Amino acid sequence: MRLVRIRCRYCKRTHCYHPSDLIQIFGDVDVDSLMDGMKCENDPSHGRLDVEAFAPTGREAVGLRIRRLVALKVQRVPIWREDPA
């Protein structure tokens, strides 16, 4: 079982994700390109995040919390144009 670990260098928050959940959001991209696509939830100005793919060992897997994708919200924004009368 491989996971993706994402860590903010400034606020030291770490989250683990299933790759299939990240594929639904960002598409089938390599791990290094996720650094540019993801932002820190606390403060988006923290810059790039550390992203690594790993396979947890038995010791790491005990008590490991994995974030799962529940739903994707799509925001609909109207765009208007003026037609001449």
Protein backbone atom coordinates (compact mmCIF):
# COMPACT_ATOMS: atom_id res chain seq x y z
CA MET A 1 0.00 0.00 0.00
CA ARG A 2 1.57 3.27 -1.11
CA LEU A 3 0.57 6.64 0.30
CA VAL A 4 1.44 10.26 -0.34
CA ARG A 5 2.75 12.33 2.58
CA ILE A 6 2.41 16.11 2.32
CA ARG A 7 4.09 18.39 4.85
CA CYS A 8 4.20 22.15 5.30
CA ARG A 9 7.71 23.33 6.21
CA TYR A 10 6.51 26.34 8.18
CA CYS A 11 3.63 25.12 10.33
CA LYS A 12 4.93 21.49 10.46
CA ARG A 13 1.53 19.96 9.57
CA THR A 14 1.66 16.57 7.92
CA HIS A 15 -1.16 14.73 6.15
CA CYS A 16 -1.24 11.37 4.38
CA TYR A 17 -3.45 10.66 1.37
CA HIS A 18 -4.34 7.74 -0.86
CA PRO A 19 -3.01 8.39 -4.38
CA SER A 20 -6.41 7.53 -5.89
CA ASP A 21 -8.01 10.46 -4.01
CA LEU A 22 -5.38 12.90 -5.29
CA ILE A 23 -5.81 11.58 -8.85
CA GLN A 24 -9.50 12.56 -8.74
CA ILE A 25 -8.53 16.15 -7.92
CA PHE A 26 -5.29 16.79 -9.82
CA GLY A 27 -5.38 14.10 -12.50
CA ASP A 28 -2.75 11.45 -13.14
CA VAL A 29 0.37 13.53 -12.41
CA ASP A 30 3.69 12.69 -10.80
CA VAL A 31 4.31 13.42 -7.13
CA ASP A 32 6.69 16.32 -7.79
CA SER A 33 4.05 18.34 -9.65
CA LEU A 34 1.77 18.20 -6.58
CA MET A 35 4.14 20.64 -4.86
CA ASP A 36 2.86 23.40 -7.13
CA GLY A 37 -0.78 22.31 -7.07
CA MET A 38 -1.33 22.13 -3.31
CA LYS A 39 -1.29 24.96 -0.79
CA CYS A 40 -1.08 24.94 3.00
CA GLU A 41 -4.53 24.98 4.60
CA ASN A 42 -3.40 27.26 7.45
CA ASP A 43 -1.78 29.93 5.29
CA PRO A 44 -1.51 29.67 1.48
CA SER A 45 1.48 32.05 1.51
CA HIS A 46 3.70 29.37 3.09
CA GLY A 47 4.92 28.41 -0.37
CA ARG A 48 5.71 24.94 -1.66
CA LEU A 49 4.88 21.84 0.33
CA ASP A 50 7.09 18.80 0.78
CA VAL A 51 5.49 15.90 -1.08
CA GLU A 52 6.72 12.32 -1.03
CA ALA A 53 5.33 8.92 -1.92
CA PHE A 54 6.04 6.21 0.64
CA ALA A 55 5.03 2.74 1.68
CA PRO A 56 4.47 2.72 5.44
CA THR A 57 6.23 0.04 7.43
CA GLY A 58 4.40 -1.85 10.14
CA ARG A 59 5.60 0.55 12.81
CA GLU A 60 4.60 3.63 10.78
CA ALA A 61 1.19 2.20 9.90
CA VAL A 62 0.12 1.87 13.54
CA GLY A 63 -1.93 4.94 14.38
CA LEU A 64 -1.38 6.54 10.96
CA ARG A 65 -4.26 8.86 10.06
CA ILE A 66 -5.10 8.99 6.37
CA ARG A 67 -7.20 11.76 4.87
CA ARG A 68 -9.92 10.46 2.53
CA LEU A 69 -11.78 12.38 -0.14
CA VAL A 70 -15.47 12.58 0.74
CA ALA A 71 -16.83 14.83 -2.01
CA LEU A 72 -15.84 17.45 -4.55
CA LYS A 73 -17.80 20.69 -4.65
CA VAL A 74 -18.13 22.44 -7.97
CA GLN A 75 -18.82 26.14 -7.74
CA ARG A 76 -20.97 27.61 -10.49
CA VAL A 77 -20.21 31.25 -11.26
CA PRO A 78 -22.34 33.13 -13.82
CA ILE A 79 -20.56 35.11 -16.53
CA TRP A 80 -22.63 37.78 -18.25
CA ARG A 81 -22.30 39.71 -21.47
CA GLU A 82 -24.27 42.68 -22.72
CA ASP A 83 -26.06 42.29 -26.08
CA PRO A 84 -26.76 45.45 -28.04
CA ALA A 85 -30.46 46.30 -28.22
